[in-house]
Amino acid sequence: MKTVDDVSELSKNFLDCRDRGHAWFDDRAGPSLRRSGGGLVLRSLRCQRCKTLREDQIIATNGEVHGRRYVYPEGYLFTRGTEYVAKSEVRKLAVRAAFAALKQRRSA
């Protein structure tokens, strides 16, 4: 899987998700829930911006999340061993990217 070494390599959508959080919606055209064995319900959600997939295992009797996994798109994750990136740095780059996109739309 392709990873990035520096926060500046992230796309605008990836920056937005890391800054604001994901914009989850049902991953399927129909219901995103399906029953699993052991009293679990599986729910699949996808982020509208970056296309990350989130799969929740929910205990049917009480609604608690039993487990969760994420499947990230190419280029979303940092290379293992990359230095921690502060949320403020991500936010700064996301704001710059938003202004650049706005400027480009205005000049078009």
N, C-alpha and C. Protein backbone atom coordinates (compact mmCIF):
# COMPACT_ATOMS: atom_id res chain seq x y z
N MET A 1 0.83 -1.17 0.00
CA MET A 1 0.00 0.00 0.00
C MET A 1 0.88 1.25 0.00
N LYS A 2 0.52 2.20 -0.84
CA LYS A 2 1.27 3.47 -0.91
C LYS A 2 1.02 4.28 0.36
N THR A 3 2.08 4.74 0.98
CA THR A 3 2.00 5.60 2.16
C THR A 3 2.74 6.89 1.87
N VAL A 4 2.62 7.86 2.78
CA VAL A 4 3.32 9.13 2.60
C VAL A 4 4.31 9.33 3.74
N ASP A 5 5.35 10.08 3.46
CA ASP A 5 6.38 10.35 4.45
C ASP A 5 6.20 11.70 5.14
N ASP A 6 5.39 12.57 4.54
CA ASP A 6 5.26 13.92 5.07
C ASP A 6 3.82 14.38 4.91
N VAL A 7 3.33 15.14 5.87
CA VAL A 7 1.95 15.62 5.83
C VAL A 7 1.67 16.47 4.59
N SER A 8 2.68 17.12 4.06
CA SER A 8 2.49 17.95 2.87
C SER A 8 2.15 17.13 1.62
N GLU A 9 2.35 15.82 1.68
CA GLU A 9 2.03 14.94 0.55
C GLU A 9 0.56 14.54 0.51
N LEU A 10 -0.20 14.83 1.58
CA LEU A 10 -1.60 14.43 1.64
C LEU A 10 -2.45 15.28 0.71
N SER A 11 -3.46 14.67 0.11
CA SER A 11 -4.40 15.40 -0.74
C SER A 11 -5.29 16.29 0.14
N LYS A 12 -6.00 17.22 -0.49
CA LYS A 12 -6.90 18.11 0.26
C LYS A 12 -7.95 17.30 1.01
N ASN A 13 -8.54 16.29 0.38
CA ASN A 13 -9.55 15.46 1.05
C ASN A 13 -8.97 14.75 2.26
N PHE A 14 -7.77 14.22 2.13
CA PHE A 14 -7.15 13.53 3.26
C PHE A 14 -6.86 14.51 4.40
N LEU A 15 -6.39 15.71 4.04
CA LEU A 15 -6.15 16.74 5.06
C LEU A 15 -7.46 17.11 5.77
N ASP A 16 -8.53 17.28 4.99
CA ASP A 16 -9.82 17.65 5.57
C ASP A 16 -10.29 16.59 6.57
N CYS A 17 -10.15 15.32 6.23
CA CYS A 17 -10.57 14.25 7.13
C CYS A 17 -9.71 14.20 8.39
N ARG A 18 -8.43 14.39 8.23
CA ARG A 18 -7.54 14.38 9.40
C ARG A 18 -7.78 15.61 10.27
N ASP A 19 -8.25 16.69 9.69
CA ASP A 19 -8.53 17.92 10.44
C ASP A 19 -9.91 17.85 11.11
N ARG A 20 -10.95 17.57 10.33
CA ARG A 20 -12.33 17.65 10.81
C ARG A 20 -12.93 16.33 11.27
N GLY A 21 -12.31 15.25 10.84
CA GLY A 21 -12.92 13.93 11.07
C GLY A 21 -13.61 13.47 9.80
N HIS A 22 -13.90 12.21 9.73
CA HIS A 22 -14.50 11.63 8.53
C HIS A 22 -15.98 11.99 8.41
N ALA A 23 -16.48 12.00 7.19
CA ALA A 23 -17.89 12.26 6.89
C ALA A 23 -18.53 10.92 6.51
N TRP A 24 -18.97 10.16 7.51
CA TRP A 24 -19.44 8.79 7.28
C TRP A 24 -20.83 8.74 6.66
N PHE A 25 -21.04 7.77 5.77
CA PHE A 25 -22.36 7.47 5.23
C PHE A 25 -22.42 5.98 4.96
N ASP A 26 -23.63 5.45 4.75
CA ASP A 26 -23.78 4.02 4.47
C ASP A 26 -22.98 3.65 3.24
N ASP A 27 -22.26 2.54 3.34
CA ASP A 27 -21.38 2.13 2.24
C ASP A 27 -22.13 1.47 1.10
N ARG A 28 -23.32 1.03 1.34
CA ARG A 28 -24.06 0.28 0.31
C ARG A 28 -25.27 1.09 -0.14
N ALA A 29 -25.77 0.77 -1.33
CA ALA A 29 -26.97 1.43 -1.81
C ALA A 29 -28.17 1.03 -0.95
N GLY A 30 -28.17 -0.21 -0.48
CA GLY A 30 -29.21 -0.69 0.42
C GLY A 30 -28.76 -0.54 1.85
N PRO A 31 -29.36 -1.30 2.75
CA PRO A 31 -28.95 -1.23 4.17
C PRO A 31 -27.48 -1.58 4.36
N SER A 32 -26.82 -0.83 5.22
CA SER A 32 -25.40 -1.08 5.47
C SER A 32 -25.21 -2.08 6.62
N LEU A 33 -26.31 -2.61 7.13
CA LEU A 33 -26.23 -3.57 8.23
C LEU A 33 -26.47 -4.98 7.73
N ARG A 34 -25.76 -5.93 8.33
CA ARG A 34 -26.02 -7.35 8.05
C ARG A 34 -25.71 -8.14 9.31
N ARG A 35 -26.46 -9.19 9.51
CA ARG A 35 -26.28 -10.01 10.70
C ARG A 35 -25.05 -10.91 10.53
N SER A 36 -24.40 -11.13 11.64
CA SER A 36 -23.24 -12.01 11.68
C SER A 36 -23.51 -13.04 12.77
N GLY A 37 -22.65 -14.03 12.86
CA GLY A 37 -22.80 -15.03 13.91
C GLY A 37 -22.52 -14.44 15.29
N GLY A 38 -22.97 -15.13 16.31
CA GLY A 38 -22.67 -14.73 17.67
C GLY A 38 -23.39 -13.49 18.15
N GLY A 39 -24.54 -13.18 17.56
CA GLY A 39 -25.32 -12.02 18.01
C GLY A 39 -24.75 -10.68 17.60
N LEU A 40 -23.90 -10.67 16.59
CA LEU A 40 -23.30 -9.41 16.12
C LEU A 40 -23.98 -8.92 14.85
N VAL A 41 -24.02 -7.61 14.71
CA VAL A 41 -24.47 -6.96 13.48
C VAL A 41 -23.26 -6.24 12.91
N LEU A 42 -23.03 -6.38 11.62
CA LEU A 42 -21.92 -5.70 10.95
C LEU A 42 -22.46 -4.48 10.22
N ARG A 43 -21.81 -3.35 10.45
CA ARG A 43 -22.22 -2.10 9.79
C ARG A 43 -21.03 -1.57 9.00
N SER A 44 -21.26 -1.26 7.72
CA SER A 44 -20.21 -0.72 6.85
C SER A 44 -20.51 0.73 6.54
N LEU A 45 -19.55 1.59 6.81
CA LEU A 45 -19.67 3.02 6.52
C LEU A 45 -18.47 3.44 5.68
N ARG A 46 -18.68 4.46 4.84
CA ARG A 46 -17.59 4.96 4.00
C ARG A 46 -17.56 6.48 4.13
N CYS A 47 -16.36 7.02 4.14
CA CYS A 47 -16.20 8.47 4.21
C CYS A 47 -16.44 9.08 2.83
N GLN A 48 -17.29 10.10 2.79
CA GLN A 48 -17.60 10.76 1.52
C GLN A 48 -16.39 11.43 0.90
N ARG A 49 -15.51 11.99 1.74
CA ARG A 49 -14.37 12.74 1.21
C ARG A 49 -13.22 11.85 0.79
N CYS A 50 -12.74 11.01 1.70
CA CYS A 50 -11.48 10.30 1.44
C CYS A 50 -11.67 8.82 1.07
N LYS A 51 -12.90 8.33 1.19
CA LYS A 51 -13.26 6.95 0.81
C LYS A 51 -12.75 5.87 1.78
N THR A 52 -12.33 6.26 2.99
CA THR A 52 -11.97 5.28 4.01
C THR A 52 -13.20 4.44 4.33
N LEU A 53 -13.01 3.14 4.50
CA LEU A 53 -14.09 2.22 4.88
C LEU A 53 -13.98 1.94 6.37
N ARG A 54 -15.10 2.02 7.08
CA ARG A 54 -15.17 1.68 8.51
C ARG A 54 -16.16 0.55 8.68
N GLU A 55 -15.74 -0.51 9.32
CA GLU A 55 -16.61 -1.66 9.58
C GLU A 55 -16.73 -1.86 11.08
N ASP A 56 -17.96 -1.73 11.57
CA ASP A 56 -18.25 -1.90 12.99
C ASP A 56 -18.89 -3.25 13.24
N GLN A 57 -18.51 -3.90 14.33
CA GLN A 57 -19.19 -5.08 14.85
C GLN A 57 -19.98 -4.62 16.05
N ILE A 58 -21.30 -4.68 15.96
CA ILE A 58 -22.18 -4.17 17.01
C ILE A 58 -22.90 -5.34 17.67
N ILE A 59 -22.93 -5.36 19.00
CA ILE A 59 -23.65 -6.39 19.74
C ILE A 59 -25.14 -6.07 19.62
N ALA A 60 -25.89 -6.99 19.02
CA ALA A 60 -27.29 -6.74 18.70
C ALA A 60 -28.15 -6.47 19.94
N THR A 61 -27.85 -7.11 21.05
CA THR A 61 -28.71 -7.00 22.23
C THR A 61 -28.57 -5.67 22.97
N ASN A 62 -27.40 -5.05 22.94
CA ASN A 62 -27.23 -3.81 23.71
C ASN A 62 -26.68 -2.63 22.90
N GLY A 63 -26.32 -2.84 21.63
CA GLY A 63 -25.85 -1.77 20.76
C GLY A 63 -24.41 -1.34 20.96
N GLU A 64 -23.69 -2.01 21.85
CA GLU A 64 -22.28 -1.64 22.06
C GLU A 64 -21.43 -2.09 20.88
N VAL A 65 -20.38 -1.33 20.62
CA VAL A 65 -19.43 -1.69 19.56
C VAL A 65 -18.48 -2.74 20.13
N HIS A 66 -18.49 -3.89 19.51
CA HIS A 66 -17.64 -5.02 19.93
C HIS A 66 -16.25 -4.91 19.30
N GLY A 67 -16.22 -4.40 18.07
CA GLY A 67 -14.96 -4.26 17.34
C GLY A 67 -15.14 -3.30 16.18
N ARG A 68 -14.03 -2.78 15.71
CA ARG A 68 -14.08 -1.83 14.59
C ARG A 68 -12.79 -1.96 13.81
N ARG A 69 -12.90 -1.85 12.48
CA ARG A 69 -11.69 -1.82 11.65
C ARG A 69 -11.86 -0.79 10.57
N TYR A 70 -10.72 -0.27 10.11
CA TYR A 70 -10.69 0.74 9.06
C TYR A 70 -9.86 0.21 7.90
N VAL A 71 -10.30 0.51 6.69
CA VAL A 71 -9.54 0.21 5.48
C VAL A 71 -9.31 1.56 4.79
N TYR A 72 -8.05 1.98 4.79
CA TYR A 72 -7.71 3.31 4.28
C TYR A 72 -7.32 3.26 2.80
N PRO A 73 -7.60 4.34 2.06
CA PRO A 73 -7.19 4.39 0.65
C PRO A 73 -5.69 4.62 0.52
N GLU A 74 -5.17 4.33 -0.65
CA GLU A 74 -3.75 4.55 -0.95
C GLU A 74 -3.38 6.00 -0.66
N GLY A 75 -2.26 6.20 -0.01
CA GLY A 75 -1.76 7.54 0.23
C GLY A 75 -2.33 8.24 1.45
N TYR A 76 -3.22 7.57 2.22
CA TYR A 76 -3.79 8.20 3.42
C TYR A 76 -2.88 8.04 4.63
N LEU A 77 -2.30 6.86 4.76
CA LEU A 77 -1.49 6.55 5.94
C LEU A 77 -0.05 7.04 5.77
N PHE A 78 0.56 7.36 6.90
CA PHE A 78 1.97 7.72 6.91
C PHE A 78 2.83 6.46 6.94
N THR A 79 4.00 6.55 6.36
CA THR A 79 4.96 5.46 6.38
C THR A 79 5.33 5.15 7.83
N ARG A 80 5.43 3.87 8.15
CA ARG A 80 5.79 3.46 9.51
C ARG A 80 7.10 4.13 9.91
N GLY A 81 7.14 4.66 11.11
CA GLY A 81 8.33 5.33 11.59
C GLY A 81 8.34 6.83 11.33
N THR A 82 7.33 7.32 10.59
CA THR A 82 7.25 8.75 10.32
C THR A 82 6.96 9.48 11.63
N GLU A 83 7.57 10.61 11.80
CA GLU A 83 7.40 11.41 13.02
C GLU A 83 5.94 11.82 13.18
N TYR A 84 5.45 11.86 14.43
CA TYR A 84 4.09 12.28 14.75
C TYR A 84 3.83 13.68 14.18
N VAL A 85 2.65 13.86 13.60
CA VAL A 85 2.27 15.16 13.05
C VAL A 85 1.20 15.76 13.94
N ALA A 86 1.45 16.94 14.47
CA ALA A 86 0.50 17.62 15.34
C ALA A 86 -0.76 18.00 14.57
N LYS A 87 -1.90 17.93 15.25
CA LYS A 87 -3.19 18.28 14.65
C LYS A 87 -3.17 19.72 14.12
N SER A 88 -2.47 20.61 14.80
CA SER A 88 -2.39 22.00 14.36
C SER A 88 -1.68 22.12 13.01
N GLU A 89 -0.69 21.27 12.77
CA GLU A 89 0.01 21.28 11.48
C GLU A 89 -0.93 20.81 10.36
N VAL A 90 -1.70 19.77 10.63
CA VAL A 90 -2.67 19.28 9.66
C VAL A 90 -3.70 20.37 9.38
N ARG A 91 -4.21 20.99 10.43
CA ARG A 91 -5.21 22.06 10.28
C ARG A 91 -4.66 23.22 9.46
N LYS A 92 -3.42 23.62 9.71
CA LYS A 92 -2.80 24.73 8.97
C LYS A 92 -2.74 24.40 7.48
N LEU A 93 -2.32 23.19 7.14
CA LEU A 93 -2.23 22.79 5.73
C LEU A 93 -3.62 22.66 5.10
N ALA A 94 -4.60 22.18 5.88
CA ALA A 94 -5.97 22.06 5.36
C ALA A 94 -6.54 23.43 5.03
N VAL A 95 -6.28 24.41 5.88
CA VAL A 95 -6.76 25.78 5.63
C VAL A 95 -6.07 26.35 4.39
N ARG A 96 -4.78 26.15 4.26
CA ARG A 96 -4.06 26.64 3.08
C ARG A 96 -4.61 26.00 1.80
N ALA A 97 -4.86 24.70 1.85
CA ALA A 97 -5.40 23.99 0.68
C ALA A 97 -6.78 24.51 0.31
N ALA A 98 -7.60 24.81 1.32
CA ALA A 98 -8.94 25.34 1.06
C ALA A 98 -8.87 26.71 0.40
N PHE A 99 -7.97 27.58 0.88
CA PHE A 99 -7.81 28.90 0.26
C PHE A 99 -7.27 28.78 -1.16
N ALA A 100 -6.36 27.86 -1.39
CA ALA A 100 -5.82 27.66 -2.74
C ALA A 100 -6.92 27.20 -3.70
N ALA A 101 -7.78 26.29 -3.24
CA ALA A 101 -8.88 25.80 -4.08
C ALA A 101 -9.87 26.93 -4.37
N LEU A 102 -10.15 27.76 -3.37
CA LEU A 102 -11.05 28.89 -3.56
C LEU A 102 -10.48 29.89 -4.56
N LYS A 103 -9.21 30.17 -4.42
CA LYS A 103 -8.54 31.10 -5.35
C LYS A 103 -8.59 30.55 -6.78
N GLN A 104 -8.37 29.26 -6.93
CA GLN A 104 -8.38 28.64 -8.25
C GLN A 104 -9.78 28.71 -8.87
N ARG A 105 -10.83 28.50 -8.08
CA ARG A 105 -12.21 28.58 -8.59
C ARG A 105 -12.54 30.00 -9.04
N ARG A 106 -12.08 30.98 -8.26
CA ARG A 106 -12.37 32.37 -8.59
C ARG A 106 -11.68 32.83 -9.87
N SER A 107 -10.50 32.28 -10.13
CA SER A 107 -9.75 32.69 -11.32
C SER A 107 -10.19 31.91 -12.56
N ALA A 108 -10.98 30.89 -12.40
CA ALA A 108 -11.43 30.08 -13.55
C ALA A 108 -12.58 30.73 -14.28
